[in-house]
Amino acid sequence: MAKKANGEGSVQKYYQNGVFKGWRGRISVGYNDKGEIKRKTFYGKTKQEVLKKMTEYQYKQNIGQLPADDKITLAEWFRTWLFEFRKHDLKPSSFERYESIYRIYIADTPVGNTRLAELRASHIQNHFNNLLENGKSASVVHNVYKFLNTCLNEAVKQGYIPVNYCQSVKLPKLTKSNDEDSKGIVAFTLEEQTKFLKMLRGHKHETAITLTLGTGLRLGEMLALKWSDIDFTNNTLHVSRSIKWVTFISNDGKRQCKLIEQTPKTNSSIRAIPIPENIAAKLKQHRKKQLEVKMKNREFYNDNDYLFCDKFGNPLDTKKIPRAFKTVLKKAGIRDMKFHSLRHTYATRLFEVGVPIKTVQALLGHTDITTTMNIYTHVMPEQMDMAADKINALFGQ
């Protein structure tokens, strides 16, 4: 039998307590301080799976994608996974969120400094318990778990660890009191809406704010609208993109903020929304004024086709209109609320006039109807009372 070359490794059946568990392979990955050969172990359900892991590991090690020894910590692996495996398949905004989880909750923490080969469920459980004890919500812990679990799944795939111990921890229960999706749902009352619209008249951003209130658009969706998205014949608009400030992070840690245009997070966000006739009329007036500004600044105008832009055609800063909204609120003497409350108000008005929840879901661009129901449960009791009144009328004299 031919002798195996150095580093080629071996693969054999793997037993635990006399029970067949799968296949195990080992390759040499260098030498320790004493000059002894160091080996790395890979596990899999089949021999072919183990061989594939070994081959992939050696390839990535040869091109410098993976550390050459088993001293890699969880934080080091998380960063390698993030910048080498995920950076190019994530949207910039998603990558920024992943990186913030790494930077805030993994890097420079006891669990992050634990060697990946020595990591156990107890380390992760202790980390989650500490987060809760230091005031972090159950939602935050669930979010960290989601990213860490995906990261460790890849570590198993790459042969770093035989088991993803993240899947063995106990997570805190999410309830309505700590579920972030159920917080901060504030909408105009009918009286407040009337006062607000009256105070908004003649404001520089009247059309943009009124359109948001009349269509339930998210801020980024509204700012990304182009005239090609507007159908004045049928009074509808088409949502297919959004605008957002994103921090681009290079491998050496340098950060640069850019305003980018990107596709929506889910297919459900791509949708058509009817425009109320009076708002469609405002849009036509707005377009007329915009063309005048364009002609005045034609020498420097960037024709990006945006509905709402500065005098040179560039997209508006995402903070500009929310600030204007807050100013109008204050002048109208209305309680403080976020710009996103316009979207909540739109949904609330739909429920109040009896629009079916499935239609509301489609108009808001929610993927799951449960999301719509969870967010707008404050409107449901009124709808139930209305339904009861209608049923009661069927049994009248």
Protein backbone atom coordinates (compact mmCIF):
# COMPACT_ATOMS: atom_id res chain seq x y z
CA MET A 1 0.00 0.00 0.00
CA ALA A 2 1.35 3.42 -0.92
CA LYS A 3 2.35 5.63 1.97
CA LYS A 4 0.28 8.78 2.47
CA ALA A 5 1.98 12.10 1.85
CA ASN A 6 2.58 14.42 4.77
CA GLY A 7 -0.61 16.41 5.53
CA GLU A 8 -2.85 14.15 3.44
CA GLY A 9 -4.53 12.85 6.58
CA SER A 10 -6.68 9.82 7.29
CA VAL A 11 -10.41 9.11 7.49
CA GLN A 12 -12.03 6.39 9.55
CA LYS A 13 -15.29 5.44 11.21
CA TYR A 14 -16.05 7.26 14.46
CA TYR A 15 -17.58 5.54 17.50
CA GLN A 16 -18.73 6.96 20.83
CA ASN A 17 -19.50 4.58 23.72
CA GLY A 18 -19.52 1.74 21.20
CA VAL A 19 -22.12 3.47 18.99
CA PHE A 20 -21.30 4.44 15.40
CA LYS A 21 -21.53 8.25 15.10
CA GLY A 22 -20.17 8.86 11.61
CA TRP A 23 -16.74 9.48 10.08
CA ARG A 24 -13.73 11.32 11.40
CA GLY A 25 -10.72 12.63 9.52
CA ARG A 26 -7.43 14.13 10.68
CA ILE A 27 -4.76 16.17 8.93
CA SER A 28 -1.52 17.66 10.18
CA VAL A 29 -1.58 21.45 10.31
CA GLY A 30 1.93 22.22 11.56
CA TYR A 31 4.03 21.84 14.67
CA ASN A 32 3.70 23.09 18.23
CA ASP A 33 6.40 24.81 20.32
CA LYS A 34 7.91 21.42 21.20
CA GLY A 35 8.24 20.37 17.56
CA GLU A 36 5.39 17.90 17.80
CA ILE A 37 2.96 17.44 14.90
CA LYS A 38 -0.39 19.21 15.37
CA ARG A 39 -3.47 17.63 13.83
CA LYS A 40 -6.95 18.93 13.07
CA THR A 41 -10.04 16.75 13.28
CA PHE A 42 -13.08 16.84 10.98
CA TYR A 43 -16.41 15.08 11.47
CA GLY A 44 -19.20 14.10 9.09
CA LYS A 45 -22.02 11.64 8.49
CA THR A 46 -20.26 10.14 5.47
CA LYS A 47 -16.67 9.58 4.43
CA GLN A 48 -17.18 11.83 1.40
CA GLU A 49 -18.43 14.66 3.61
CA VAL A 50 -15.31 14.47 5.81
CA LEU A 51 -12.99 14.37 2.81
CA LYS A 52 -14.69 17.43 1.36
CA LYS A 53 -14.26 19.35 4.64
CA MET A 54 -10.60 18.41 4.79
CA THR A 55 -9.99 19.47 1.19
CA GLU A 56 -11.82 22.79 1.63
CA TYR A 57 -9.94 23.52 4.85
CA GLN A 58 -6.54 22.85 3.29
CA TYR A 59 -7.42 25.00 0.27
CA LYS A 60 -8.55 27.97 2.38
CA GLN A 61 -5.53 27.58 4.63
CA ASN A 62 -3.22 27.61 1.61
CA ILE A 63 -4.68 30.85 0.25
CA GLY A 64 -4.62 32.49 3.67
CA GLN A 65 -8.33 32.60 4.42
CA LEU A 66 -8.07 30.63 7.66
CA PRO A 67 -5.60 30.73 10.55
CA ALA A 68 -3.03 27.96 10.42
CA ASP A 69 -3.57 26.66 13.94
CA ASP A 70 -6.27 25.69 16.38
CA LYS A 71 -5.72 28.67 18.68
CA ILE A 72 -8.39 30.66 16.85
CA THR A 73 -10.91 32.23 19.23
CA LEU A 74 -14.64 32.62 18.70
CA ALA A 75 -14.15 36.35 18.03
CA GLU A 76 -11.42 35.65 15.46
CA TRP A 77 -13.56 33.06 13.71
CA PHE A 78 -16.63 35.33 13.78
CA ARG A 79 -14.62 38.06 12.07
CA THR A 80 -13.16 35.64 9.50
CA TRP A 81 -16.62 34.26 8.79
CA LEU A 82 -18.03 37.77 8.45
CA PHE A 83 -15.39 39.29 6.19
CA GLU A 84 -14.45 36.22 4.14
CA PHE A 85 -17.65 34.19 3.89
CA ARG A 86 -20.51 36.72 4.14
CA LYS A 87 -19.38 40.16 3.03
CA HIS A 88 -20.15 39.69 -0.65
CA ASP A 89 -23.52 37.98 -0.29
CA LEU A 90 -25.01 40.51 2.14
CA LYS A 91 -26.47 43.91 1.40
CA PRO A 92 -24.31 46.71 2.83
CA SER A 93 -26.97 47.53 5.44
CA SER A 94 -27.18 43.87 6.50
CA PHE A 95 -23.40 43.57 6.70
CA GLU A 96 -23.32 46.65 8.91
CA ARG A 97 -25.83 44.99 11.26
CA TYR A 98 -23.79 41.77 11.36
CA GLU A 99 -20.61 43.73 12.09
CA SER A 100 -22.28 45.66 14.91
CA ILE A 101 -23.32 42.38 16.56
CA TYR A 102 -19.71 41.18 16.33
CA ARG A 103 -18.24 44.46 17.62
CA ILE A 104 -20.70 45.03 20.48
CA TYR A 105 -21.52 41.51 21.68
CA ILE A 106 -18.68 39.19 20.62
CA ALA A 107 -15.35 41.03 20.30
CA ASP A 108 -13.47 41.64 23.57
CA THR A 109 -15.85 39.51 25.62
CA PRO A 110 -15.08 36.37 27.66
CA VAL A 111 -16.99 34.19 25.21
CA GLY A 112 -15.32 35.90 22.26
CA ASN A 113 -11.87 35.27 23.74
CA THR A 114 -12.63 31.57 24.22
CA ARG A 115 -10.85 29.24 21.80
CA LEU A 116 -13.29 27.88 19.26
CA ALA A 117 -12.07 24.32 19.87
CA GLU A 118 -12.80 24.70 23.60
CA LEU A 119 -16.14 26.50 23.24
CA ARG A 120 -19.06 24.77 24.94
CA ALA A 121 -22.73 25.53 25.54
CA SER A 122 -21.90 26.71 29.08
CA HIS A 123 -19.71 29.54 27.72
CA ILE A 124 -22.50 30.76 25.43
CA GLN A 125 -25.19 30.35 28.10
CA ASN A 126 -23.11 32.35 30.57
CA HIS A 127 -22.66 35.10 27.98
CA PHE A 128 -26.40 35.35 27.33
CA ASN A 129 -27.13 35.35 31.08
CA ASN A 130 -24.65 38.21 31.58
CA LEU A 131 -26.31 40.22 28.81
CA LEU A 132 -29.68 39.87 30.53
CA GLU A 133 -28.23 40.71 33.94
CA ASN A 134 -26.66 43.85 32.46
CA GLY A 135 -30.00 45.15 31.23
CA LYS A 136 -30.15 43.81 27.68
CA SER A 137 -33.59 42.69 26.53
CA ALA A 138 -34.65 39.19 25.58
CA SER A 139 -34.96 40.45 22.00
CA VAL A 140 -31.29 41.45 21.96
CA VAL A 141 -30.24 38.02 23.25
CA HIS A 142 -32.35 36.30 20.58
CA ASN A 143 -30.77 38.52 17.94
CA VAL A 144 -27.21 37.73 19.09
CA TYR A 145 -28.13 34.03 19.16
CA LYS A 146 -29.38 34.18 15.57
CA PHE A 147 -26.09 35.55 14.23
CA LEU A 148 -23.87 33.41 16.46
CA ASN A 149 -25.77 30.25 15.56
CA THR A 150 -25.28 30.89 11.83
CA CYS A 151 -21.61 31.65 12.40
CA LEU A 152 -21.02 28.40 14.32
CA ASN A 153 -22.93 26.38 11.72
CA GLU A 154 -20.28 27.48 9.24
CA ALA A 155 -17.54 26.54 11.74
CA VAL A 156 -18.99 23.01 11.81
CA LYS A 157 -19.14 22.94 8.02
CA GLN A 158 -15.50 24.03 7.80
CA GLY A 159 -14.42 21.34 10.25
CA TYR A 160 -13.39 23.65 13.09
CA ILE A 161 -15.80 22.09 15.58
CA PRO A 162 -17.82 18.85 15.56
CA VAL A 163 -20.94 20.39 17.16
CA ASN A 164 -22.65 23.79 17.20
CA TYR A 165 -23.09 24.24 20.95
CA CYS A 166 -25.12 27.39 20.38
CA GLN A 167 -28.07 25.12 19.68
CA SER A 168 -27.89 23.68 23.19
CA VAL A 169 -28.45 26.91 25.13
CA LYS A 170 -31.71 28.03 26.70
CA LEU A 171 -33.00 31.37 25.46
CA PRO A 172 -35.17 33.79 27.46
CA LYS A 173 -38.84 33.76 26.58
CA LEU A 174 -40.11 36.53 24.33
CA THR A 175 -43.32 38.11 25.57
CA LYS A 176 -45.38 41.09 24.49
CA SER A 177 -43.64 43.16 27.14
CA ASN A 178 -40.13 42.51 25.80
CA ASP A 179 -40.83 41.85 22.14
CA GLU A 180 -39.57 44.97 20.35
CA ASP A 181 -42.10 44.58 17.53
CA SER A 182 -44.90 45.39 19.95
CA LYS A 183 -43.31 48.58 21.34
CA GLY A 184 -43.72 52.17 20.26
CA ILE A 185 -46.87 51.81 18.18
CA VAL A 186 -48.12 55.41 18.17
CA ALA A 187 -50.64 56.81 15.70
CA PHE A 188 -52.52 60.07 15.25
CA THR A 189 -56.04 60.29 16.59
CA LEU A 190 -58.48 61.70 14.02
CA GLU A 191 -58.38 65.04 15.84
CA GLU A 192 -54.58 65.11 15.85
CA GLN A 193 -54.45 64.19 12.18
CA THR A 194 -56.75 67.08 11.28
CA LYS A 195 -54.68 69.55 13.35
CA PHE A 196 -51.44 68.27 11.87
CA LEU A 197 -52.57 68.52 8.24
CA LYS A 198 -53.85 72.04 8.86
CA MET A 199 -50.49 73.14 10.29
CA LEU A 200 -48.63 71.35 7.45
CA ARG A 201 -50.24 73.44 4.71
CA GLY A 202 -47.71 75.43 2.72
CA HIS A 203 -44.72 73.69 4.30
CA LYS A 204 -41.74 72.97 2.05
CA HIS A 205 -42.14 69.22 2.61
CA GLU A 206 -45.94 69.15 2.69
CA THR A 207 -46.24 66.83 -0.33
CA ALA A 208 -43.68 64.29 0.91
CA ILE A 209 -45.17 64.10 4.40
CA THR A 210 -48.76 63.98 3.15
CA LEU A 211 -47.88 61.23 0.67
CA THR A 212 -46.34 59.17 3.50
CA LEU A 213 -49.46 59.61 5.62
CA GLY A 214 -51.72 58.67 2.69
CA THR A 215 -49.79 55.56 1.57
CA GLY A 216 -48.03 54.19 4.66
CA LEU A 217 -44.61 54.23 3.00
CA ARG A 218 -41.46 53.71 5.04
CA LEU A 219 -39.14 56.73 5.04
CA GLY A 220 -36.53 55.07 2.82
CA GLU A 221 -39.20 53.93 0.36
CA MET A 222 -40.65 57.42 0.10
CA LEU A 223 -37.26 59.06 -0.49
CA ALA A 224 -36.39 56.49 -3.17
CA LEU A 225 -39.54 57.10 -5.23
CA LYS A 226 -38.98 58.16 -8.84
CA TRP A 227 -41.46 59.71 -11.24
CA SER A 228 -41.29 56.51 -13.27
CA ASP A 229 -42.88 54.78 -10.24
CA ILE A 230 -45.98 56.98 -10.40
CA ASP A 231 -48.98 56.03 -12.52
CA PHE A 232 -51.23 59.08 -12.68
CA THR A 233 -53.70 57.29 -14.97
CA ASN A 234 -54.61 54.79 -12.24
CA ASN A 235 -53.39 56.90 -9.29
CA THR A 236 -50.97 54.27 -8.00
CA LEU A 237 -47.31 54.19 -7.04
CA HIS A 238 -44.91 51.27 -7.25
CA VAL A 239 -42.42 50.52 -4.46
CA SER A 240 -39.27 48.74 -5.63
CA ARG A 241 -36.34 50.34 -3.76
CA SER A 242 -35.33 52.27 -0.69
CA ILE A 243 -32.67 54.77 0.31
CA LYS A 244 -30.54 54.39 3.41
CA TRP A 245 -27.34 55.65 5.01
CA VAL A 246 -24.96 52.72 5.35
CA THR A 247 -21.52 52.41 6.92
CA PHE A 248 -19.13 50.54 4.65
CA ILE A 249 -16.50 48.67 6.67
CA SER A 250 -13.23 47.52 5.13
CA ASN A 251 -11.15 44.56 6.31
CA ASP A 252 -8.76 46.89 8.11
CA GLY A 253 -11.63 48.43 10.09
CA LYS A 254 -11.94 51.73 8.21
CA ARG A 255 -15.50 53.03 8.10
CA GLN A 256 -17.16 55.25 5.51
CA CYS A 257 -20.80 56.36 5.48
CA LYS A 258 -22.62 56.51 2.14
CA LEU A 259 -26.20 57.11 1.09
CA ILE A 260 -27.20 54.15 -1.05
CA GLU A 261 -30.20 52.98 -3.04
CA GLN A 262 -31.05 49.31 -2.52
CA THR A 263 -33.79 46.79 -3.19
CA PRO A 264 -36.26 46.03 -0.38
CA LYS A 265 -35.44 43.41 2.23
CA THR A 266 -38.26 41.09 1.12
CA ASN A 267 -40.31 40.52 -2.02
CA SER A 268 -43.44 41.55 -0.10
CA SER A 269 -42.06 45.09 0.15
CA ILE A 270 -42.23 45.36 -3.64
CA ARG A 271 -45.82 46.44 -4.07
CA ALA A 272 -48.33 48.81 -5.67
CA ILE A 273 -50.22 51.29 -3.48
CA PRO A 274 -53.22 53.43 -4.46
CA ILE A 275 -52.73 57.21 -4.15
CA PRO A 276 -55.70 59.25 -2.81
CA GLU A 277 -56.91 61.67 -5.49
CA ASN A 278 -56.21 64.83 -3.50
CA ILE A 279 -52.64 63.66 -2.86
CA ALA A 280 -52.20 62.80 -6.56
CA ALA A 281 -53.17 66.41 -7.29
CA LYS A 282 -50.51 67.64 -4.86
CA LEU A 283 -47.94 65.44 -6.61
CA LYS A 284 -48.76 67.03 -9.97
CA GLN A 285 -48.27 70.49 -8.48
CA HIS A 286 -45.03 69.32 -6.86
CA ARG A 287 -43.76 68.04 -10.20
CA LYS A 288 -44.51 71.34 -11.86
CA LYS A 289 -42.49 73.24 -9.23
CA GLN A 290 -39.67 70.71 -9.44
CA LEU A 291 -39.37 71.19 -13.21
CA GLU A 292 -39.01 74.93 -12.64
CA VAL A 293 -36.18 74.32 -10.15
CA LYS A 294 -34.58 71.87 -12.58
CA MET A 295 -34.59 74.44 -15.38
CA LYS A 296 -33.17 77.10 -13.06
CA ASN A 297 -30.29 74.82 -12.04
CA ARG A 298 -30.00 72.81 -15.28
CA GLU A 299 -26.27 73.43 -15.52
CA PHE A 300 -25.60 71.57 -12.25
CA TYR A 301 -28.73 69.40 -12.00
CA ASN A 302 -28.35 65.62 -11.60
CA ASP A 303 -31.48 64.19 -13.18
CA ASN A 304 -32.01 61.07 -11.04
CA ASP A 305 -35.81 61.25 -11.51
CA TYR A 306 -36.46 61.41 -7.75
CA LEU A 307 -39.80 62.80 -6.53
CA PHE A 308 -38.16 64.41 -3.53
CA CYS A 309 -34.66 65.81 -3.89
CA ASP A 310 -32.58 68.93 -3.32
CA LYS A 311 -32.31 71.75 -5.85
CA PHE A 312 -29.59 69.86 -7.72
CA GLY A 313 -31.55 66.61 -8.07
CA ASN A 314 -29.69 64.71 -5.34
CA PRO A 315 -31.63 62.50 -2.89
CA LEU A 316 -32.60 64.16 0.38
CA ASP A 317 -30.78 63.39 3.59
CA THR A 318 -32.81 60.81 5.53
CA LYS A 319 -32.89 63.11 8.60
CA LYS A 320 -34.28 66.18 6.80
CA ILE A 321 -37.99 65.31 6.51
CA PRO A 322 -38.28 63.64 9.96
CA ARG A 323 -36.92 66.89 11.45
CA ALA A 324 -39.51 68.88 9.51
CA PHE A 325 -42.21 66.49 10.78
CA LYS A 326 -41.15 67.10 14.40
CA THR A 327 -41.24 70.88 13.86
CA VAL A 328 -44.81 70.75 12.55
CA LEU A 329 -45.86 68.50 15.45
CA LYS A 330 -44.54 71.03 17.95
CA LYS A 331 -46.21 73.98 16.24
CA ALA A 332 -49.52 72.09 16.17
CA GLY A 333 -49.24 71.31 19.89
CA ILE A 334 -49.38 67.56 19.26
CA ARG A 335 -47.59 64.99 21.47
CA ASP A 336 -44.14 63.92 20.34
CA MET A 337 -43.91 60.88 18.05
CA LYS A 338 -41.62 59.42 15.42
CA PHE A 339 -41.94 59.96 11.66
CA HIS A 340 -42.75 56.23 11.39
CA SER A 341 -46.01 57.03 13.23
CA LEU A 342 -47.36 58.26 9.89
CA ARG A 343 -47.18 54.66 8.68
CA HIS A 344 -48.93 53.45 11.85
CA THR A 345 -51.59 56.11 11.35
CA TYR A 346 -52.20 54.97 7.78
CA ALA A 347 -52.71 51.38 8.95
CA THR A 348 -54.93 52.46 11.83
CA ARG A 349 -57.21 54.45 9.51
CA LEU A 350 -57.48 51.41 7.20
CA PHE A 351 -58.59 49.21 10.09
CA GLU A 352 -61.05 51.84 11.29
CA VAL A 353 -62.88 51.88 7.96
CA GLY A 354 -63.03 48.08 7.86
CA VAL A 355 -60.31 47.23 5.31
CA PRO A 356 -59.57 43.46 5.60
CA ILE A 357 -56.33 42.63 7.44
CA LYS A 358 -54.99 40.70 4.44
CA THR A 359 -55.32 43.86 2.34
CA VAL A 360 -53.62 45.93 5.04
CA GLN A 361 -50.77 43.41 5.09
CA ALA A 362 -50.29 43.76 1.32
CA LEU A 363 -50.42 47.57 1.40
CA LEU A 364 -47.84 47.73 4.21
CA GLY A 365 -45.55 45.19 2.54
CA HIS A 366 -45.46 42.76 5.47
CA THR A 367 -44.27 39.25 4.59
CA ASP A 368 -46.27 37.59 7.36
CA ILE A 369 -49.82 38.50 8.34
CA THR A 370 -48.83 37.74 11.95
CA THR A 371 -46.58 40.81 11.87
CA THR A 372 -49.52 42.99 10.86
CA MET A 373 -51.72 41.52 13.58
CA ASN A 374 -49.07 41.81 16.31
CA ILE A 375 -48.29 45.44 15.55
CA TYR A 376 -51.87 46.63 15.26
CA THR A 377 -53.58 44.71 18.07
CA HIS A 378 -54.50 48.08 19.62
CA VAL A 379 -57.02 48.57 16.79
CA MET A 380 -58.55 45.08 17.00
CA PRO A 381 -60.87 45.63 20.01
CA GLU A 382 -62.66 48.42 18.15
CA GLN A 383 -63.04 46.20 15.10
CA MET A 384 -64.41 43.40 17.27
CA ASP A 385 -66.98 45.76 18.79
CA MET A 386 -68.04 46.85 15.29
CA ALA A 387 -68.39 43.21 14.23
CA ALA A 388 -70.46 42.47 17.32
CA ASP A 389 -72.76 45.42 16.56
CA LYS A 390 -73.29 44.19 13.00
CA ILE A 391 -74.13 40.68 14.22
CA ASN A 392 -76.43 42.10 16.87
CA ALA A 393 -78.33 44.00 14.19
CA LEU A 394 -79.17 40.70 12.49
CA PHE A 395 -81.20 39.73 15.53
CA GLY A 396 -83.05 43.04 15.84
CA GLN A 397 -86.82 43.46 16.02
